[in-house]
Amino acid sequence: MDYIRIQSIDHPLFAKMHDLMKTVFPPEEVLAFEKWRAPLEDESIHVYVAVHEGEVVGTTEYRYYPGLRVAMTDFTIVGRPGLGIGRFLLRSRERDLQRLAAESGTVSLGMFAEIYDPAQASYEFGGIYPMNPYVRREVLSHIGYMRLDFPYVHPSWEEDGSAVGGLNLSFLPADENRTELDASLVTAFLTQYYSALPNKPAEWYAMMEQLKTQDKLRLLPL
């Protein structure tokens, strides 16, 4: 299996990757094809595909913020069961993030991710077993992710200004004994991460204002 970076919508594998995203994720979570051009050309955004026998069978996107000393996994897709794609993507991403932190002269505090709450998820996720929200949540819990203790919404990637719920903002701490995060770190991260979406819903702004009133946020089991 090959781990290949995509840095242009003209890359021959990008269309396959985008089709896989549209198959697995609901529309509000998928950026339109043409709007991927600028993000893919951004050196700080890392988009990779897992290629097996010439086909895109998985993909992941992530970034590292040296100033905040945190990473973010934008998404991970396991397109087929039984090939070890999830572990392959996890280990390949880990090695790359370790490289990015070392090159920036920083030590990572951990990695954020938005994780579906199975109790609120009604989408079928392409009918692909590894993408089932119950399965994904259990796997991510085993990896070490924990949910941050506050109600979470994010702006829709359809850029229509609507709020997307049904997820928990979660964190994989580098120190497994960590039980909380500074709320200021979370607000700084979310402000920077969603700066790409100028049209944000009132619910998101209200959430951010509430976060600014808090000092610490608990890390709770998934």
C-alpha atoms as a PDB file:
ATOM      1  CA  MET A   1       0.000   0.000   0.000  1.00  0.00           C
ATOM      2  CA  ASP A   2       1.311   3.459  -0.892  1.00  0.00           C
ATOM      3  CA  TYR A   3       0.932   6.722   1.044  1.00  0.00           C
ATOM      4  CA  ILE A   4       0.736   9.487  -1.572  1.00  0.00           C
ATOM      5  CA  ARG A   5       0.362  13.222  -0.981  1.00  0.00           C
ATOM      6  CA  ILE A   6      -2.172  15.127  -3.089  1.00  0.00           C
ATOM      7  CA  GLN A   7      -1.238  18.775  -3.723  1.00  0.00           C
ATOM      8  CA  SER A   8      -3.423  19.661  -6.703  1.00  0.00           C
ATOM      9  CA  ILE A   9      -6.958  19.006  -7.885  1.00  0.00           C
ATOM     10  CA  ASP A  10      -5.276  18.111 -11.186  1.00  0.00           C
ATOM     11  CA  HIS A  11      -3.525  15.133  -9.555  1.00  0.00           C
ATOM     12  CA  PRO A  12      -4.894  11.972 -11.209  1.00  0.00           C
ATOM     13  CA  LEU A  13      -5.878  10.528  -7.801  1.00  0.00           C
ATOM     14  CA  PHE A  14      -7.723  13.573  -6.489  1.00  0.00           C
ATOM     15  CA  ALA A  15     -10.996  12.879  -8.328  1.00  0.00           C
ATOM     16  CA  LYS A  16     -11.025   9.362  -6.844  1.00  0.00           C
ATOM     17  CA  MET A  17     -10.365  10.766  -3.394  1.00  0.00           C
ATOM     18  CA  HIS A  18     -13.147  13.337  -3.741  1.00  0.00           C
ATOM     19  CA  ASP A  19     -15.583  10.676  -4.943  1.00  0.00           C
ATOM     20  CA  LEU A  20     -14.713   8.592  -1.874  1.00  0.00           C
ATOM     21  CA  MET A  21     -15.393  11.583   0.376  1.00  0.00           C
ATOM     22  CA  LYS A  22     -18.779  12.179  -1.258  1.00  0.00           C
ATOM     23  CA  THR A  23     -19.646   8.508  -0.823  1.00  0.00           C
ATOM     24  CA  VAL A  24     -18.799   8.443   2.885  1.00  0.00           C
ATOM     25  CA  PHE A  25     -19.582  11.896   4.304  1.00  0.00           C
ATOM     26  CA  PRO A  26     -22.800  13.954   4.309  1.00  0.00           C
ATOM     27  CA  PRO A  27     -22.766  16.935   1.904  1.00  0.00           C
ATOM     28  CA  GLU A  28     -22.207  19.550   4.632  1.00  0.00           C
ATOM     29  CA  GLU A  29     -18.883  17.923   5.476  1.00  0.00           C
ATOM     30  CA  VAL A  30     -17.466  17.929   1.931  1.00  0.00           C
ATOM     31  CA  LEU A  31     -15.861  20.942   0.276  1.00  0.00           C
ATOM     32  CA  ALA A  32     -16.792  21.310  -3.403  1.00  0.00           C
ATOM     33  CA  PHE A  33     -14.284  19.920  -5.938  1.00  0.00           C
ATOM     34  CA  GLU A  34     -13.036  23.270  -7.323  1.00  0.00           C
ATOM     35  CA  LYS A  35     -12.762  24.818  -3.864  1.00  0.00           C
ATOM     36  CA  TRP A  36     -10.065  22.278  -2.996  1.00  0.00           C
ATOM     37  CA  ARG A  37      -7.542  24.005  -5.283  1.00  0.00           C
ATOM     38  CA  ALA A  38      -6.231  26.537  -2.729  1.00  0.00           C
ATOM     39  CA  PRO A  39      -6.190  24.169   0.299  1.00  0.00           C
ATOM     40  CA  LEU A  40      -4.245  21.517  -1.617  1.00  0.00           C
ATOM     41  CA  GLU A  41      -1.647  24.085  -2.666  1.00  0.00           C
ATOM     42  CA  ASP A  42      -1.218  25.206   0.971  1.00  0.00           C
ATOM     43  CA  GLU A  43       1.999  23.605   2.244  1.00  0.00           C
ATOM     44  CA  SER A  44       0.619  23.473   5.804  1.00  0.00           C
ATOM     45  CA  ILE A  45      -2.323  21.262   4.803  1.00  0.00           C
ATOM     46  CA  HIS A  46      -1.417  17.614   4.326  1.00  0.00           C
ATOM     47  CA  VAL A  47      -3.757  15.454   2.259  1.00  0.00           C
ATOM     48  CA  TYR A  48      -2.731  11.858   1.626  1.00  0.00           C
ATOM     49  CA  VAL A  49      -4.365   8.869   0.000  1.00  0.00           C
ATOM     50  CA  ALA A  50      -3.818   5.172   0.633  1.00  0.00           C
ATOM     51  CA  VAL A  51      -3.456   3.475  -2.735  1.00  0.00           C
ATOM     52  CA  HIS A  52      -3.918  -0.289  -3.112  1.00  0.00           C
ATOM     53  CA  GLU A  53      -3.542  -1.869  -6.546  1.00  0.00           C
ATOM     54  CA  GLY A  54      -4.017   1.490  -8.231  1.00  0.00           C
ATOM     55  CA  GLU A  55      -7.202   2.398  -6.358  1.00  0.00           C
ATOM     56  CA  VAL A  56      -7.750   5.008  -3.640  1.00  0.00           C
ATOM     57  CA  VAL A  57      -8.931   2.923  -0.687  1.00  0.00           C
ATOM     58  CA  GLY A  58      -8.428   5.485   2.076  1.00  0.00           C
ATOM     59  CA  THR A  59      -7.501   9.075   2.714  1.00  0.00           C
ATOM     60  CA  THR A  60      -6.614  11.454   5.521  1.00  0.00           C
ATOM     61  CA  GLU A  61      -6.063  15.186   5.929  1.00  0.00           C
ATOM     62  CA  TYR A  62      -4.202  16.824   8.795  1.00  0.00           C
ATOM     63  CA  ARG A  63      -2.171  19.849   9.787  1.00  0.00           C
ATOM     64  CA  TYR A  64       0.208  20.942  12.532  1.00  0.00           C
ATOM     65  CA  TYR A  65       0.124  24.341  14.240  1.00  0.00           C
ATOM     66  CA  PRO A  66       3.608  25.054  15.682  1.00  0.00           C
ATOM     67  CA  GLY A  67       2.422  28.214  17.452  1.00  0.00           C
ATOM     68  CA  LEU A  68      -0.235  26.252  19.346  1.00  0.00           C
ATOM     69  CA  ARG A  69       1.741  22.991  19.478  1.00  0.00           C
ATOM     70  CA  VAL A  70      -1.279  20.977  18.376  1.00  0.00           C
ATOM     71  CA  ALA A  71      -2.294  18.990  15.318  1.00  0.00           C
ATOM     72  CA  MET A  72      -5.706  18.516  13.754  1.00  0.00           C
ATOM     73  CA  THR A  73      -6.991  15.498  11.869  1.00  0.00           C
ATOM     74  CA  ASP A  74      -9.522  16.948   9.434  1.00  0.00           C
ATOM     75  CA  PHE A  75     -10.776  13.547   8.347  1.00  0.00           C
ATOM     76  CA  THR A  76      -9.820   9.919   7.906  1.00  0.00           C
ATOM     77  CA  ILE A  77     -11.622   7.557   5.551  1.00  0.00           C
ATOM     78  CA  VAL A  78     -11.211   3.793   5.497  1.00  0.00           C
ATOM     79  CA  GLY A  79     -12.784   2.810   2.195  1.00  0.00           C
ATOM     80  CA  ARG A  80     -12.637  -0.979   2.528  1.00  0.00           C
ATOM     81  CA  PRO A  81     -12.559  -3.438   5.424  1.00  0.00           C
ATOM     82  CA  GLY A  82      -9.961  -6.129   5.813  1.00  0.00           C
ATOM     83  CA  LEU A  83      -6.939  -4.370   4.314  1.00  0.00           C
ATOM     84  CA  GLY A  84      -5.495  -2.718   7.432  1.00  0.00           C
ATOM     85  CA  ILE A  85      -6.126   0.728   5.935  1.00  0.00           C
ATOM     86  CA  GLY A  86      -6.938   2.386   9.255  1.00  0.00           C
ATOM     87  CA  ARG A  87      -3.689   1.312  10.892  1.00  0.00           C
ATOM     88  CA  PHE A  88      -1.712   2.182   7.751  1.00  0.00           C
ATOM     89  CA  LEU A  89      -3.112   5.730   7.727  1.00  0.00           C
ATOM     90  CA  LEU A  90      -2.665   6.124  11.483  1.00  0.00           C
ATOM     91  CA  ARG A  91       0.999   5.097  11.509  1.00  0.00           C
ATOM     92  CA  SER A  92       1.860   7.039   8.353  1.00  0.00           C
ATOM     93  CA  ARG A  93       0.228  10.175   9.756  1.00  0.00           C
ATOM     94  CA  GLU A  94       1.950   9.755  13.129  1.00  0.00           C
ATOM     95  CA  ARG A  95       5.374   9.588  11.497  1.00  0.00           C
ATOM     96  CA  ASP A  96       4.675  12.649   9.382  1.00  0.00           C
ATOM     97  CA  LEU A  97       3.364  14.690  12.324  1.00  0.00           C
ATOM     98  CA  GLN A  98       6.421  13.771  14.370  1.00  0.00           C
ATOM     99  CA  ARG A  99       8.542  15.071  11.500  1.00  0.00           C
ATOM    100  CA  LEU A 100       6.557  18.322  11.275  1.00  0.00           C
ATOM    101  CA  ALA A 101       6.864  18.960  15.020  1.00  0.00           C
ATOM    102  CA  ALA A 102      10.608  18.236  14.970  1.00  0.00           C
ATOM    103  CA  GLU A 103      11.170  20.527  11.980  1.00  0.00           C
ATOM    104  CA  SER A 104       9.345  23.343  13.797  1.00  0.00           C
ATOM    105  CA  GLY A 105      11.393  22.823  16.977  1.00  0.00           C
ATOM    106  CA  THR A 106       8.290  22.158  19.056  1.00  0.00           C
ATOM    107  CA  VAL A 107       6.861  19.278  21.075  1.00  0.00           C
ATOM    108  CA  SER A 108       3.227  18.504  20.285  1.00  0.00           C
ATOM    109  CA  LEU A 109       0.605  18.599  23.039  1.00  0.00           C
ATOM    110  CA  GLY A 110      -1.688  16.365  21.005  1.00  0.00           C
ATOM    111  CA  MET A 111      -4.214  16.312  18.199  1.00  0.00           C
ATOM    112  CA  PHE A 112      -7.781  17.542  17.779  1.00  0.00           C
ATOM    113  CA  ALA A 113     -10.501  15.729  15.823  1.00  0.00           C
ATOM    114  CA  GLU A 114     -14.237  16.100  15.311  1.00  0.00           C
ATOM    115  CA  ILE A 115     -15.832  12.755  16.141  1.00  0.00           C
ATOM    116  CA  TYR A 116     -19.407  11.790  15.353  1.00  0.00           C
ATOM    117  CA  ASP A 117     -21.738  11.079  18.256  1.00  0.00           C
ATOM    118  CA  PRO A 118     -23.368   7.771  17.227  1.00  0.00           C
ATOM    119  CA  ALA A 119     -26.515   8.595  19.187  1.00  0.00           C
ATOM    120  CA  GLN A 120     -27.090  11.605  16.927  1.00  0.00           C
ATOM    121  CA  ALA A 121     -25.810  10.193  13.627  1.00  0.00           C
ATOM    122  CA  SER A 122     -28.427   9.008  11.148  1.00  0.00           C
ATOM    123  CA  TYR A 123     -26.259   9.116   8.007  1.00  0.00           C
ATOM    124  CA  GLU A 124     -25.194   5.790   6.468  1.00  0.00           C
ATOM    125  CA  PHE A 125     -21.561   6.788   5.708  1.00  0.00           C
ATOM    126  CA  GLY A 126     -21.600   4.916   2.420  1.00  0.00           C
ATOM    127  CA  GLY A 127     -22.570   1.674   4.124  1.00  0.00           C
ATOM    128  CA  ILE A 128     -18.858   1.018   4.701  1.00  0.00           C
ATOM    129  CA  TYR A 129     -18.505  -0.926   7.955  1.00  0.00           C
ATOM    130  CA  PRO A 130     -15.288   0.720   9.260  1.00  0.00           C
ATOM    131  CA  MET A 131     -16.937   4.155   8.841  1.00  0.00           C
ATOM    132  CA  ASN A 132     -19.936   3.264  11.014  1.00  0.00           C
ATOM    133  CA  PRO A 133     -19.953   5.929  13.763  1.00  0.00           C
ATOM    134  CA  TYR A 134     -20.176   3.330  16.550  1.00  0.00           C
ATOM    135  CA  VAL A 135     -17.178   1.461  15.163  1.00  0.00           C
ATOM    136  CA  ARG A 136     -15.179   4.639  14.544  1.00  0.00           C
ATOM    137  CA  ARG A 137     -15.850   6.006  18.010  1.00  0.00           C
ATOM    138  CA  GLU A 138     -14.745   2.788  19.696  1.00  0.00           C
ATOM    139  CA  VAL A 139     -11.566   2.646  17.593  1.00  0.00           C
ATOM    140  CA  LEU A 140     -10.734   6.291  18.338  1.00  0.00           C
ATOM    141  CA  SER A 141     -11.362   5.711  22.042  1.00  0.00           C
ATOM    142  CA  HIS A 142      -8.882   2.827  21.971  1.00  0.00           C
ATOM    143  CA  ILE A 143      -6.331   5.063  20.257  1.00  0.00           C
ATOM    144  CA  GLY A 144      -6.694   7.515  23.143  1.00  0.00           C
ATOM    145  CA  TYR A 145      -9.020  10.282  21.967  1.00  0.00           C
ATOM    146  CA  MET A 146     -11.157  11.999  24.617  1.00  0.00           C
ATOM    147  CA  ARG A 147     -14.056  14.399  24.160  1.00  0.00           C
ATOM    148  CA  LEU A 148     -13.933  17.979  25.361  1.00  0.00           C
ATOM    149  CA  ASP A 149     -16.678  18.806  27.844  1.00  0.00           C
ATOM    150  CA  PHE A 150     -18.798  21.378  25.998  1.00  0.00           C
ATOM    151  CA  PRO A 151     -21.631  21.349  23.414  1.00  0.00           C
ATOM    152  CA  TYR A 152     -20.012  21.582  19.981  1.00  0.00           C
ATOM    153  CA  VAL A 153     -21.117  22.888  16.588  1.00  0.00           C
ATOM    154  CA  HIS A 154     -19.125  23.895  13.565  1.00  0.00           C
ATOM    155  CA  PRO A 155     -19.831  25.902  10.396  1.00  0.00           C
ATOM    156  CA  SER A 156     -20.954  23.893   7.371  1.00  0.00           C
ATOM    157  CA  TRP A 157     -18.365  23.264   4.672  1.00  0.00           C
ATOM    158  CA  GLU A 158     -21.132  23.921   2.150  1.00  0.00           C
ATOM    159  CA  GLU A 159     -20.461  27.560   3.126  1.00  0.00           C
ATOM    160  CA  ASP A 160     -24.150  28.344   3.560  1.00  0.00           C
ATOM    161  CA  GLY A 161     -23.741  29.689   7.094  1.00  0.00           C
ATOM    162  CA  SER A 162     -25.542  26.809   8.773  1.00  0.00           C
ATOM    163  CA  ALA A 163     -24.419  25.064  11.963  1.00  0.00           C
ATOM    164  CA  VAL A 164     -23.426  21.393  11.945  1.00  0.00           C
ATOM    165  CA  GLY A 165     -23.993  19.409  15.121  1.00  0.00           C
ATOM    166  CA  GLY A 166     -23.869  15.762  16.086  1.00  0.00           C
ATOM    167  CA  LEU A 167     -20.129  15.770  16.732  1.00  0.00           C
ATOM    168  CA  ASN A 168     -17.805  16.084  19.706  1.00  0.00           C
ATOM    169  CA  LEU A 169     -14.633  18.120  19.508  1.00  0.00           C
ATOM    170  CA  SER A 170     -12.113  15.641  20.832  1.00  0.00           C
ATOM    171  CA  PHE A 171      -8.415  15.570  21.655  1.00  0.00           C
ATOM    172  CA  LEU A 172      -5.698  12.921  21.647  1.00  0.00           C
ATOM    173  CA  PRO A 173      -3.265  14.109  24.360  1.00  0.00           C
ATOM    174  CA  ALA A 174       0.422  13.317  23.980  1.00  0.00           C
ATOM    175  CA  ASP A 175       0.420  12.891  27.765  1.00  0.00           C
ATOM    176  CA  GLU A 176      -2.122  10.157  28.479  1.00  0.00           C
ATOM    177  CA  ASN A 177      -2.476  11.430  32.050  1.00  0.00           C
ATOM    178  CA  ARG A 178      -3.764  14.817  30.895  1.00  0.00           C
ATOM    179  CA  THR A 179      -7.326  15.404  32.118  1.00  0.00           C
ATOM    180  CA  GLU A 180      -8.046  18.927  30.832  1.00  0.00           C
ATOM    181  CA  LEU A 181      -7.093  21.576  28.286  1.00  0.00           C
ATOM    182  CA  ASP A 182      -6.888  25.338  28.573  1.00  0.00           C
ATOM    183  CA  ALA A 183     -10.080  26.789  27.114  1.00  0.00           C
ATOM    184  CA  SER A 184      -7.954  29.545  25.560  1.00  0.00           C
ATOM    185  CA  LEU A 185      -6.080  26.909  23.524  1.00  0.00           C
ATOM    186  CA  VAL A 186      -9.359  25.507  22.212  1.00  0.00           C
ATOM    187  CA  THR A 187     -10.707  28.942  21.232  1.00  0.00           C
ATOM    188  CA  ALA A 188      -7.413  29.896  19.579  1.00  0.00           C
ATOM    189  CA  PHE A 189      -7.398  26.646  17.622  1.00  0.00           C
ATOM    190  CA  LEU A 190     -11.028  26.917  16.484  1.00  0.00           C
ATOM    191  CA  THR A 191     -10.583  30.573  15.505  1.00  0.00           C
ATOM    192  CA  GLN A 192      -7.602  29.700  13.328  1.00  0.00           C
ATOM    193  CA  TYR A 193      -9.048  26.481  11.919  1.00  0.00           C
ATOM    194  CA  TYR A 194     -12.356  27.992  10.821  1.00  0.00           C
ATOM    195  CA  SER A 195     -10.865  31.232   9.527  1.00  0.00           C
ATOM    196  CA  ALA A 196     -11.240  29.625   6.077  1.00  0.00           C
ATOM    197  CA  LEU A 197     -15.037  29.855   6.387  1.00  0.00           C
ATOM    198  CA  PRO A 198     -16.122  33.514   6.546  1.00  0.00           C
ATOM    199  CA  ASN A 199     -19.850  32.724   6.773  1.00  0.00           C
ATOM    200  CA  LYS A 200     -20.332  31.297  10.253  1.00  0.00           C
ATOM    201  CA  PRO A 201     -23.636  30.634  12.065  1.00  0.00           C
ATOM    202  CA  ALA A 202     -24.827  32.444  15.185  1.00  0.00           C
ATOM    203  CA  GLU A 203     -24.619  29.148  17.093  1.00  0.00           C
ATOM    204  CA  TRP A 204     -20.873  28.990  16.448  1.00  0.00           C
ATOM    205  CA  TYR A 205     -20.278  32.530  17.676  1.00  0.00           C
ATOM    206  CA  ALA A 206     -22.361  31.847  20.798  1.00  0.00           C
ATOM    207  CA  MET A 207     -20.310  28.706  21.485  1.00  0.00           C
ATOM    208  CA  MET A 208     -17.067  30.646  21.113  1.00  0.00           C
ATOM    209  CA  GLU A 209     -18.244  33.390  23.485  1.00  0.00           C
ATOM    210  CA  GLN A 210     -19.168  30.754  26.056  1.00  0.00           C
ATOM    211  CA  LEU A 211     -15.733  29.152  25.740  1.00  0.00           C
ATOM    212  CA  LYS A 212     -14.094  32.516  26.419  1.00  0.00           C
ATOM    213  CA  THR A 213     -15.734  32.586  29.854  1.00  0.00           C
ATOM    214  CA  GLN A 214     -14.088  29.299  30.865  1.00  0.00           C
ATOM    215  CA  ASP A 215     -10.587  28.571  32.157  1.00  0.00           C
ATOM    216  CA  LYS A 216     -10.255  24.817  31.691  1.00  0.00           C
ATOM    217  CA  LEU A 217     -12.168  22.181  29.716  1.00  0.00           C
ATOM    218  CA  ARG A 218     -12.340  18.620  30.976  1.00  0.00           C
ATOM    219  CA  LEU A 219     -11.258  15.705  28.791  1.00  0.00           C
ATOM    220  CA  LEU A 220     -13.853  12.951  29.163  1.00  0.00           C
ATOM    221  CA  PRO A 221     -14.037   9.376  27.854  1.00  0.00           C
ATOM    222  CA  LEU A 222     -15.615   8.881  24.453  1.00  0.00           C
END
